[in-house]
Amino acid sequence: IAHPYIIRIPEGYSVRSPEIDAAVQEEAPTETTKVTQLLRRLDTVRDL
């Protein structure tokens, strides 16, 4: 199919599946997760 917006992928070019990208995004810690972990650690220190 020839179209001005379609870019041909060279033969042998490795293309990652979208599932791999989705898994990486799910595993990456968010700012909210980081803050929650930090607050838990601060509570642990206070309990000492």
N, C-alpha and C. Protein backbone atom coordinates (compact mmCIF):
# COMPACT_ATOMS: atom_id res chain seq x y z
N ILE A 1 0.86 -1.18 0.00
CA ILE A 1 0.00 0.00 0.00
C ILE A 1 0.90 1.23 0.00
N ALA A 2 0.69 2.11 -0.91
CA ALA A 2 1.47 3.33 -0.98
C ALA A 2 0.62 4.49 -0.48
N HIS A 3 1.15 5.19 0.49
CA HIS A 3 0.46 6.35 1.06
C HIS A 3 1.53 7.29 1.60
N PRO A 4 1.37 8.59 1.46
CA PRO A 4 2.43 9.51 1.90
C PRO A 4 2.71 9.46 3.40
N TYR A 5 1.77 8.97 4.21
CA TYR A 5 1.98 8.94 5.66
C TYR A 5 2.45 7.58 6.17
N ILE A 6 2.55 6.60 5.28
CA ILE A 6 3.00 5.28 5.68
C ILE A 6 4.50 5.19 5.44
N ILE A 7 5.24 4.81 6.48
CA ILE A 7 6.69 4.67 6.39
C ILE A 7 6.99 3.18 6.29
N ARG A 8 7.76 2.82 5.29
CA ARG A 8 8.12 1.41 5.14
C ARG A 8 9.12 1.03 6.23
N ILE A 9 8.91 -0.14 6.82
CA ILE A 9 9.84 -0.68 7.81
C ILE A 9 10.80 -1.59 7.06
N PRO A 10 12.11 -1.34 7.20
CA PRO A 10 13.08 -2.17 6.49
C PRO A 10 12.97 -3.64 6.91
N GLU A 11 13.22 -4.52 5.97
CA GLU A 11 13.17 -5.95 6.26
C GLU A 11 14.24 -6.29 7.30
N GLY A 12 13.88 -7.09 8.29
CA GLY A 12 14.81 -7.46 9.35
C GLY A 12 14.81 -6.49 10.52
N TYR A 13 14.07 -5.41 10.42
CA TYR A 13 13.99 -4.43 11.50
C TYR A 13 13.17 -5.01 12.64
N SER A 14 13.69 -4.93 13.84
CA SER A 14 13.00 -5.48 15.01
C SER A 14 11.98 -4.47 15.52
N VAL A 15 10.75 -4.90 15.61
CA VAL A 15 9.67 -4.04 16.11
C VAL A 15 9.13 -4.64 17.40
N ARG A 16 9.10 -3.84 18.47
CA ARG A 16 8.56 -4.32 19.74
C ARG A 16 7.05 -4.33 19.68
N SER A 17 6.48 -5.29 20.35
CA SER A 17 5.02 -5.37 20.39
C SER A 17 4.49 -4.34 21.39
N PRO A 18 3.27 -3.85 21.21
CA PRO A 18 2.69 -2.87 22.14
C PRO A 18 2.53 -3.44 23.54
N GLU A 19 2.40 -4.78 23.67
CA GLU A 19 2.27 -5.38 24.99
C GLU A 19 3.51 -5.13 25.84
N ILE A 20 4.69 -5.17 25.22
CA ILE A 20 5.93 -4.92 25.95
C ILE A 20 5.94 -3.49 26.48
N ASP A 21 5.57 -2.52 25.65
CA ASP A 21 5.52 -1.13 26.10
C ASP A 21 4.51 -0.96 27.23
N ALA A 22 3.37 -1.61 27.13
CA ALA A 22 2.35 -1.50 28.17
C ALA A 22 2.87 -2.08 29.48
N ALA A 23 3.59 -3.19 29.43
CA ALA A 23 4.13 -3.80 30.65
C ALA A 23 5.14 -2.88 31.30
N VAL A 24 5.97 -2.23 30.51
CA VAL A 24 6.97 -1.30 31.05
C VAL A 24 6.27 -0.13 31.72
N GLN A 25 5.22 0.40 31.11
CA GLN A 25 4.51 1.53 31.69
C GLN A 25 3.83 1.16 32.99
N GLU A 26 3.30 -0.04 33.10
CA GLU A 26 2.63 -0.47 34.32
C GLU A 26 3.62 -0.65 35.46
N GLU A 27 4.84 -1.10 35.15
CA GLU A 27 5.82 -1.37 36.18
C GLU A 27 6.54 -0.11 36.65
N ALA A 28 6.56 0.92 35.85
CA ALA A 28 7.27 2.13 36.21
C ALA A 28 6.59 2.80 37.40
N PRO A 29 7.36 3.14 38.44
CA PRO A 29 6.74 3.79 39.61
C PRO A 29 6.26 5.19 39.27
N THR A 30 5.12 5.53 39.80
CA THR A 30 4.57 6.86 39.59
C THR A 30 4.98 7.75 40.75
N GLU A 31 4.78 9.03 40.61
CA GLU A 31 5.09 9.96 41.71
C GLU A 31 4.26 9.62 42.94
N THR A 32 3.00 9.25 42.74
CA THR A 32 2.14 8.89 43.87
C THR A 32 2.69 7.69 44.61
N THR A 33 3.16 6.70 43.87
CA THR A 33 3.74 5.51 44.49
C THR A 33 4.99 5.87 45.28
N LYS A 34 5.82 6.71 44.73
CA LYS A 34 7.05 7.13 45.41
C LYS A 34 6.73 7.86 46.71
N VAL A 35 5.75 8.75 46.67
CA VAL A 35 5.37 9.51 47.86
C VAL A 35 4.80 8.58 48.92
N THR A 36 3.97 7.64 48.51
CA THR A 36 3.38 6.68 49.45
C THR A 36 4.48 5.86 50.12
N GLN A 37 5.44 5.39 49.36
CA GLN A 37 6.54 4.61 49.93
C GLN A 37 7.36 5.45 50.90
N LEU A 38 7.61 6.69 50.56
CA LEU A 38 8.38 7.58 51.43
C LEU A 38 7.64 7.82 52.74
N LEU A 39 6.33 8.06 52.67
CA LEU A 39 5.55 8.29 53.88
C LEU A 39 5.53 7.06 54.78
N ARG A 40 5.46 5.89 54.20
CA ARG A 40 5.52 4.65 54.99
C ARG A 40 6.85 4.52 55.70
N ARG A 41 7.93 4.86 55.00
CA ARG A 41 9.26 4.78 55.63
C ARG A 41 9.39 5.79 56.76
N LEU A 42 8.83 6.98 56.58
CA LEU A 42 8.87 7.98 57.65
C LEU A 42 8.10 7.50 58.87
N ASP A 43 6.96 6.85 58.67
CA ASP A 43 6.19 6.30 59.78
C ASP A 43 6.99 5.23 60.51
N THR A 44 7.73 4.42 59.76
CA THR A 44 8.56 3.38 60.37
C THR A 44 9.65 4.01 61.23
N VAL A 45 10.26 5.07 60.76
CA VAL A 45 11.31 5.75 61.52
C VAL A 45 10.72 6.37 62.79
N ARG A 46 9.54 6.94 62.70
CA ARG A 46 8.90 7.53 63.88
C ARG A 46 8.61 6.48 64.94
N ASP A 47 8.26 5.27 64.50
CA ASP A 47 7.96 4.20 65.45
C ASP A 47 9.19 3.71 66.19
N LEU A 48 10.37 4.00 65.68
CA LEU A 48 11.60 3.57 66.36
C LEU A 48 11.81 4.43 67.54
